[in-house]
Amino acid sequence: MAALADAPPFRTLDLRSVDVETLAPVLAEQIAGWRSELDWDFTMSSNLVRRFVQMRALTGHALVSRSNPSQLAGYSYFVCEDGKGLIGDLYILKQHRTLANENALLQTSLDTMWQTPGVRRIESQLLMLTDPSHRQVPYPNRFRSFPRLFLAAPLADTLPLRKLSSTLSILPWNENWQEATGRLIATAYQNHIDSQINDQYRSAAGARRFLTNIVQYPGCGSYFAPASFRAMDEKTLCGASIASLVASDVGHITQVCVAPSYQGTGLGYELMRRSMAALAAHGCRAVSLTVTQENKSAASLYRNMGFVERRSFAAYVWEP
């Protein structure tokens, strides 16, 4: 009896055994939280989770009450491919949000992924996780944390134009440029802190998969072509800024990248300025982006362009 009394009030179970109606209150609070804290409409992502849960096809876990299995406190899901596990999301209702409950879902997810044949690395970037930079996490001997910032800026003011070399031109970016932009990202992020966080940046093929994901899936909002640009030096791609819409009136810069030989020339600023101007012309009142705290040059640029911190979070990596 003592053992039962000491048992935690919640337990984890396979997310594929959970029905959509049981998950609905958690998704509803998550949508409200993303909207209030990040100005982000989480509805599209929520609908995708709902769809795969209904199909019993989303790998992950739910946190449910031991005394009432229909009471769900939170959930997490993950994917495993190409030797890597990725925790796509983890959310727990505010009334039950504790480090112990979050770690229960983290631990179960990590255990499952480590048991998946071929998995050698696990990544996650969970914006709503409690105390991301200083918390104790499962498998600390395999673990690294990279502090990151969620920044936002109003779009009421027009930023000044910055003169570029006469050989440079700024043109629209579209999906036809994914292959070349993948090569650009792999070159620009070589030995960069962000390539430690996201191993897709380490190769042109990986970077192309990253671009495919941000164009096709709602994890970073809905890809918005009118605010996405490429920089060309004659026929050479030397920079790109790719934007999305995360709400009807809020944009997000999902990627800004400049070739090493063009960094410090003002090209990154001008690509950002073009994307921000296009979002404002579309009717957006604000724009957001994320940056690794250690990437001080980029963070300084964004702050000089009017961005301020809305939230700190962390990128987590587990490796043997």
Protein backbone atom coordinates (compact mmCIF):
# COMPACT_ATOMS: atom_id res chain seq x y z
CA MET A 1 0.00 0.00 0.00
CA ALA A 2 2.86 2.38 0.79
CA ALA A 3 4.28 1.84 -2.68
CA LEU A 4 0.92 2.77 -4.25
CA ALA A 5 0.62 5.85 -2.06
CA ASP A 6 4.10 7.02 -3.10
CA ALA A 7 3.46 6.51 -6.83
CA PRO A 8 3.39 9.72 -8.89
CA PRO A 9 -0.15 10.87 -9.76
CA PHE A 10 0.48 10.59 -13.50
CA ARG A 11 1.84 7.89 -15.76
CA THR A 12 2.89 7.82 -19.41
CA LEU A 13 1.29 5.78 -22.15
CA ASP A 14 1.63 5.43 -25.90
CA LEU A 15 0.11 8.42 -27.69
CA ARG A 16 -1.37 6.05 -30.28
CA SER A 17 -3.75 4.75 -27.61
CA VAL A 18 -5.18 8.24 -26.95
CA ASP A 19 -8.28 9.52 -28.72
CA VAL A 20 -8.59 13.03 -30.11
CA GLU A 21 -11.34 14.07 -27.69
CA THR A 22 -9.11 13.31 -24.70
CA LEU A 23 -6.26 15.34 -26.19
CA ALA A 24 -8.48 18.29 -27.20
CA PRO A 25 -8.29 20.32 -23.93
CA VAL A 26 -4.48 20.17 -23.99
CA LEU A 27 -4.35 21.33 -27.61
CA ALA A 28 -6.81 24.14 -26.87
CA GLU A 29 -4.65 25.48 -24.03
CA GLN A 30 -1.54 25.09 -26.17
CA ILE A 31 -3.09 27.18 -28.95
CA ALA A 32 -4.01 29.90 -26.44
CA GLY A 33 -0.52 29.85 -24.88
CA TRP A 34 1.32 30.20 -28.19
CA ARG A 35 -0.97 33.06 -29.17
CA SER A 36 -0.57 35.00 -25.92
CA GLU A 37 3.16 34.40 -25.36
CA LEU A 38 4.53 34.33 -28.91
CA ASP A 39 1.85 35.94 -31.14
CA TRP A 40 1.82 32.62 -32.96
CA ASP A 41 -1.31 30.91 -34.28
CA PHE A 42 -0.65 27.27 -33.39
CA THR A 43 -3.90 26.07 -34.99
CA MET A 44 -2.33 24.55 -38.13
CA SER A 45 0.24 22.60 -36.13
CA SER A 46 -2.48 21.55 -33.68
CA ASN A 47 -4.67 20.31 -36.54
CA LEU A 48 -1.77 18.24 -37.87
CA VAL A 49 -1.26 16.67 -34.43
CA ARG A 50 -5.01 16.06 -34.20
CA ARG A 51 -5.07 14.40 -37.62
CA PHE A 52 -2.22 11.98 -36.88
CA VAL A 53 -3.56 11.17 -33.41
CA GLN A 54 -6.91 10.34 -34.99
CA MET A 55 -5.08 8.03 -37.42
CA ARG A 56 -3.21 6.42 -34.46
CA ALA A 57 -0.03 7.26 -36.37
CA LEU A 58 1.77 9.79 -34.17
CA THR A 59 4.68 8.31 -32.23
CA GLY A 60 4.92 9.76 -28.75
CA HIS A 61 3.49 9.60 -25.27
CA ALA A 62 0.69 11.06 -23.20
CA LEU A 63 0.77 11.90 -19.50
CA VAL A 64 -2.45 10.65 -17.88
CA SER A 65 -3.86 10.47 -14.38
CA ARG A 66 -3.40 7.13 -12.61
CA SER A 67 -6.81 7.48 -10.98
CA ASN A 68 -8.65 8.71 -14.09
CA PRO A 69 -7.20 7.54 -17.43
CA SER A 70 -9.44 9.97 -19.32
CA GLN A 71 -7.70 12.93 -17.62
CA LEU A 72 -4.76 13.86 -19.83
CA ALA A 73 -2.18 16.32 -18.48
CA GLY A 74 0.11 16.58 -21.49
CA TYR A 75 1.72 14.92 -24.49
CA SER A 76 4.90 14.71 -26.53
CA TYR A 77 5.64 13.33 -29.97
CA PHE A 78 8.79 12.46 -31.87
CA VAL A 79 10.07 11.16 -35.20
CA CYS A 80 13.10 9.00 -35.99
CA GLU A 81 14.80 8.96 -39.37
CA ASP A 82 18.28 8.88 -40.87
CA GLY A 83 19.86 7.90 -37.55
CA LYS A 84 18.34 10.83 -35.64
CA GLY A 85 15.45 11.26 -33.25
CA LEU A 86 13.64 14.59 -33.10
CA ILE A 87 11.24 15.56 -30.31
CA GLY A 88 8.70 17.58 -32.26
CA ASP A 89 6.79 18.95 -29.28
CA LEU A 90 6.11 18.54 -25.58
CA TYR A 91 3.31 20.36 -23.79
CA ILE A 92 1.77 19.99 -20.33
CA LEU A 93 -1.28 21.82 -18.99
CA LYS A 94 -0.32 24.74 -16.74
CA GLN A 95 -2.07 23.27 -13.70
CA HIS A 96 0.10 20.14 -13.97
CA ARG A 97 3.28 21.71 -15.35
CA THR A 98 6.18 20.67 -13.15
CA LEU A 99 9.75 19.67 -13.90
CA ALA A 100 8.92 16.13 -12.77
CA ASN A 101 5.99 15.81 -15.17
CA GLU A 102 7.93 17.31 -18.08
CA ASN A 103 10.85 14.99 -17.38
CA ALA A 104 8.53 12.00 -17.24
CA LEU A 105 7.57 12.65 -20.85
CA LEU A 106 11.15 13.48 -21.83
CA GLN A 107 12.50 10.32 -20.21
CA THR A 108 9.93 8.07 -21.87
CA SER A 109 10.49 9.67 -25.27
CA LEU A 110 14.27 9.40 -24.98
CA ASP A 111 14.09 5.77 -23.84
CA THR A 112 11.90 4.87 -26.80
CA MET A 113 14.10 6.66 -29.32
CA TRP A 114 17.34 5.17 -27.96
CA GLN A 115 15.77 1.74 -28.43
CA THR A 116 15.05 2.51 -32.09
CA PRO A 117 17.64 0.75 -34.27
CA GLY A 118 20.16 3.13 -35.83
CA VAL A 119 19.38 6.22 -33.73
CA ARG A 120 22.65 7.91 -32.76
CA ARG A 121 21.52 11.43 -31.96
CA ILE A 122 18.43 13.17 -30.53
CA GLU A 123 17.52 16.84 -30.95
CA SER A 124 14.77 19.07 -29.59
CA GLN A 125 13.81 22.72 -29.41
CA LEU A 126 10.82 23.06 -27.09
CA LEU A 127 9.72 26.66 -26.70
CA MET A 128 7.29 26.07 -23.83
CA LEU A 129 9.54 23.94 -21.62
CA THR A 130 10.00 25.19 -18.05
CA ASP A 131 13.41 26.68 -17.07
CA PRO A 132 15.10 25.38 -20.24
CA SER A 133 18.68 26.48 -19.59
CA HIS A 134 19.16 25.31 -16.00
CA ARG A 135 16.91 22.30 -15.52
CA GLN A 136 18.06 18.77 -14.78
CA VAL A 137 17.27 16.46 -17.70
CA PRO A 138 17.40 12.72 -18.31
CA TYR A 139 20.72 11.28 -19.50
CA PRO A 140 22.86 14.29 -18.45
CA ASN A 141 26.05 12.44 -19.45
CA ARG A 142 24.89 12.48 -23.08
CA PHE A 143 23.36 15.93 -22.98
CA ARG A 144 24.23 19.42 -24.27
CA SER A 145 22.13 22.58 -24.00
CA PHE A 146 22.35 25.61 -26.28
CA PRO A 147 20.54 28.75 -25.01
CA ARG A 148 18.41 30.40 -27.69
CA LEU A 149 16.21 33.49 -27.92
CA PHE A 150 12.80 34.13 -29.44
CA LEU A 151 12.88 37.74 -30.68
CA ALA A 152 10.11 39.92 -32.11
CA ALA A 153 9.89 43.36 -33.71
CA PRO A 154 7.03 45.68 -34.69
CA LEU A 155 6.62 46.45 -38.38
CA ALA A 156 5.31 49.99 -38.03
CA ASP A 157 8.58 51.73 -38.96
CA THR A 158 10.41 51.52 -42.27
CA LEU A 159 14.08 50.60 -41.90
CA PRO A 160 16.62 52.61 -43.93
CA LEU A 161 18.02 51.16 -47.13
CA ARG A 162 21.66 50.07 -46.92
CA LYS A 163 23.76 50.43 -50.06
CA LEU A 164 25.21 47.20 -51.49
CA SER A 165 27.85 46.44 -54.08
CA SER A 166 26.70 47.25 -57.62
CA THR A 167 27.21 43.60 -58.60
CA LEU A 168 24.63 42.39 -56.06
CA SER A 169 20.92 42.09 -56.75
CA ILE A 170 18.02 41.04 -54.49
CA LEU A 171 15.44 38.83 -56.22
CA PRO A 172 12.50 36.65 -55.14
CA TRP A 173 13.30 33.27 -53.62
CA ASN A 174 11.18 30.24 -54.48
CA GLU A 175 11.30 26.47 -54.15
CA ASN A 176 13.36 26.14 -57.34
CA TRP A 177 16.28 27.53 -55.33
CA GLN A 178 16.21 24.87 -52.62
CA GLU A 179 19.15 22.92 -54.03
CA ALA A 180 21.42 25.96 -54.34
CA THR A 181 20.29 27.34 -50.99
CA GLY A 182 21.05 23.98 -49.35
CA ARG A 183 24.64 24.28 -50.59
CA LEU A 184 24.77 27.89 -49.36
CA ILE A 185 23.57 26.92 -45.87
CA ALA A 186 26.07 24.06 -45.58
CA THR A 187 28.90 26.44 -46.53
CA ALA A 188 27.75 29.31 -44.31
CA TYR A 189 27.21 27.12 -41.23
CA GLN A 190 30.44 25.14 -41.45
CA ASN A 191 31.92 25.01 -37.91
CA HIS A 192 29.07 27.28 -36.76
CA ILE A 193 27.32 26.88 -33.40
CA ASP A 194 24.01 26.23 -35.19
CA SER A 195 25.43 23.19 -36.97
CA GLN A 196 25.97 21.67 -33.53
CA ILE A 197 22.29 22.23 -32.78
CA ASN A 198 20.88 21.07 -36.11
CA ASP A 199 23.01 18.51 -37.91
CA GLN A 200 21.07 19.13 -41.15
CA TYR A 201 23.18 22.28 -41.56
CA ARG A 202 26.31 20.15 -41.94
CA SER A 203 25.61 19.00 -45.51
CA ALA A 204 23.89 20.33 -48.60
CA ALA A 205 21.52 17.35 -48.64
CA GLY A 206 20.59 17.87 -44.99
CA ALA A 207 20.05 21.59 -45.49
CA ARG A 208 17.82 20.87 -48.46
CA ARG A 209 15.67 18.59 -46.28
CA PHE A 210 15.49 21.41 -43.73
CA LEU A 211 14.27 23.78 -46.46
CA THR A 212 11.72 21.26 -47.68
CA ASN A 213 10.33 20.98 -44.15
CA ILE A 214 9.93 24.73 -43.64
CA VAL A 215 8.28 25.12 -47.04
CA GLN A 216 5.92 22.15 -46.82
CA TYR A 217 5.05 21.82 -43.13
CA PRO A 218 3.62 24.27 -40.56
CA GLY A 219 6.28 23.85 -37.86
CA CYS A 220 7.66 27.32 -38.64
CA GLY A 221 4.40 28.75 -39.91
CA SER A 222 3.14 28.83 -43.50
CA TYR A 223 5.87 29.54 -46.02
CA PHE A 224 5.29 33.01 -47.51
CA ALA A 225 6.94 33.47 -50.91
CA PRO A 226 6.31 37.26 -51.28
CA ALA A 227 8.61 37.94 -48.29
CA SER A 228 11.34 35.44 -49.26
CA PHE A 229 14.39 36.69 -51.16
CA ARG A 230 17.72 35.59 -52.62
CA ALA A 231 20.85 37.63 -53.15
CA MET A 232 22.75 37.13 -56.39
CA ASP A 233 26.23 38.27 -57.38
CA GLU A 234 25.76 37.95 -61.12
CA LYS A 235 24.90 34.22 -61.35
CA THR A 236 26.13 33.19 -57.89
CA LEU A 237 23.69 32.75 -54.99
CA CYS A 238 25.26 34.48 -51.99
CA GLY A 239 22.39 34.97 -49.56
CA ALA A 240 18.78 34.12 -48.76
CA SER A 241 16.01 35.21 -46.42
CA ILE A 242 12.98 32.92 -46.13
CA ALA A 243 9.81 34.01 -44.39
CA SER A 244 6.56 32.50 -43.19
CA LEU A 245 3.28 33.62 -41.66
CA VAL A 246 2.66 32.41 -38.11
CA ALA A 247 -0.61 34.32 -37.77
CA SER A 248 -2.74 36.38 -40.13
CA ASP A 249 -0.89 39.52 -39.04
CA VAL A 250 2.48 38.17 -37.83
CA GLY A 251 5.44 37.03 -39.89
CA HIS A 252 8.46 34.92 -39.00
CA ILE A 253 11.93 34.80 -40.55
CA THR A 254 12.63 31.08 -40.74
CA GLN A 255 16.08 31.36 -42.28
CA VAL A 256 18.53 34.13 -43.15
CA CYS A 257 21.87 33.06 -44.52
CA VAL A 258 24.82 34.84 -46.18
CA ALA A 259 27.87 33.24 -47.79
CA PRO A 260 31.02 33.68 -45.66
CA SER A 261 32.74 36.01 -48.15
CA TYR A 262 29.75 38.39 -48.07
CA GLN A 263 29.28 38.53 -44.31
CA GLY A 264 29.85 41.99 -42.84
CA THR A 265 28.88 43.72 -46.09
CA GLY A 266 25.34 44.65 -45.05
CA LEU A 267 23.81 41.90 -47.19
CA GLY A 268 22.17 40.13 -44.24
CA TYR A 269 20.62 43.42 -43.13
CA GLU A 270 19.25 44.15 -46.60
CA LEU A 271 17.77 40.67 -47.00
CA MET A 272 16.09 41.03 -43.59
CA ARG A 273 14.88 44.52 -44.44
CA ARG A 274 13.30 43.30 -47.69
CA SER A 275 11.52 40.44 -45.90
CA MET A 276 10.27 42.75 -43.15
CA ALA A 277 9.06 45.35 -45.68
CA ALA A 278 7.20 42.67 -47.66
CA LEU A 279 5.54 41.34 -44.50
CA ALA A 280 4.49 44.88 -43.54
CA ALA A 281 3.06 45.42 -47.04
CA HIS A 282 1.04 42.23 -46.56
CA GLY A 283 -0.52 43.74 -43.43
CA CYS A 284 1.63 42.13 -40.75
CA ARG A 285 2.04 44.18 -37.57
CA ALA A 286 5.01 42.20 -36.22
CA VAL A 287 7.72 39.72 -37.14
CA SER A 288 9.65 37.18 -35.08
CA LEU A 289 12.71 34.97 -35.39
CA THR A 290 14.93 32.74 -33.26
CA VAL A 291 18.67 33.02 -32.72
CA THR A 292 21.27 31.14 -30.74
CA GLN A 293 22.49 33.28 -27.86
CA GLU A 294 26.13 32.54 -28.64
CA ASN A 295 25.68 33.88 -32.19
CA LYS A 296 26.38 37.41 -30.97
CA SER A 297 26.87 39.05 -34.36
CA ALA A 298 23.46 37.91 -35.59
CA ALA A 299 21.77 38.79 -32.29
CA SER A 300 23.33 42.28 -32.43
CA LEU A 301 22.08 42.79 -35.99
CA TYR A 302 18.55 41.79 -35.04
CA ARG A 303 18.50 44.06 -32.00
CA ASN A 304 19.72 46.97 -34.13
CA MET A 305 16.77 46.28 -36.43
CA GLY A 306 14.31 46.64 -33.56
CA PHE A 307 13.97 43.06 -32.31
CA VAL A 308 13.52 42.48 -28.59
CA GLU A 309 13.48 39.28 -26.54
CA ARG A 310 10.07 37.69 -26.00
CA ARG A 311 11.19 34.36 -24.60
CA SER A 312 14.33 32.36 -23.90
CA PHE A 313 14.45 28.64 -24.63
CA ALA A 314 17.07 26.03 -25.43
CA ALA A 315 18.10 23.64 -28.12
CA TYR A 316 18.85 20.23 -26.60
CA VAL A 317 21.08 17.55 -28.08
CA TRP A 318 21.66 14.02 -26.74
CA GLU A 319 24.50 11.93 -28.14
CA PRO A 320 26.33 8.86 -26.78
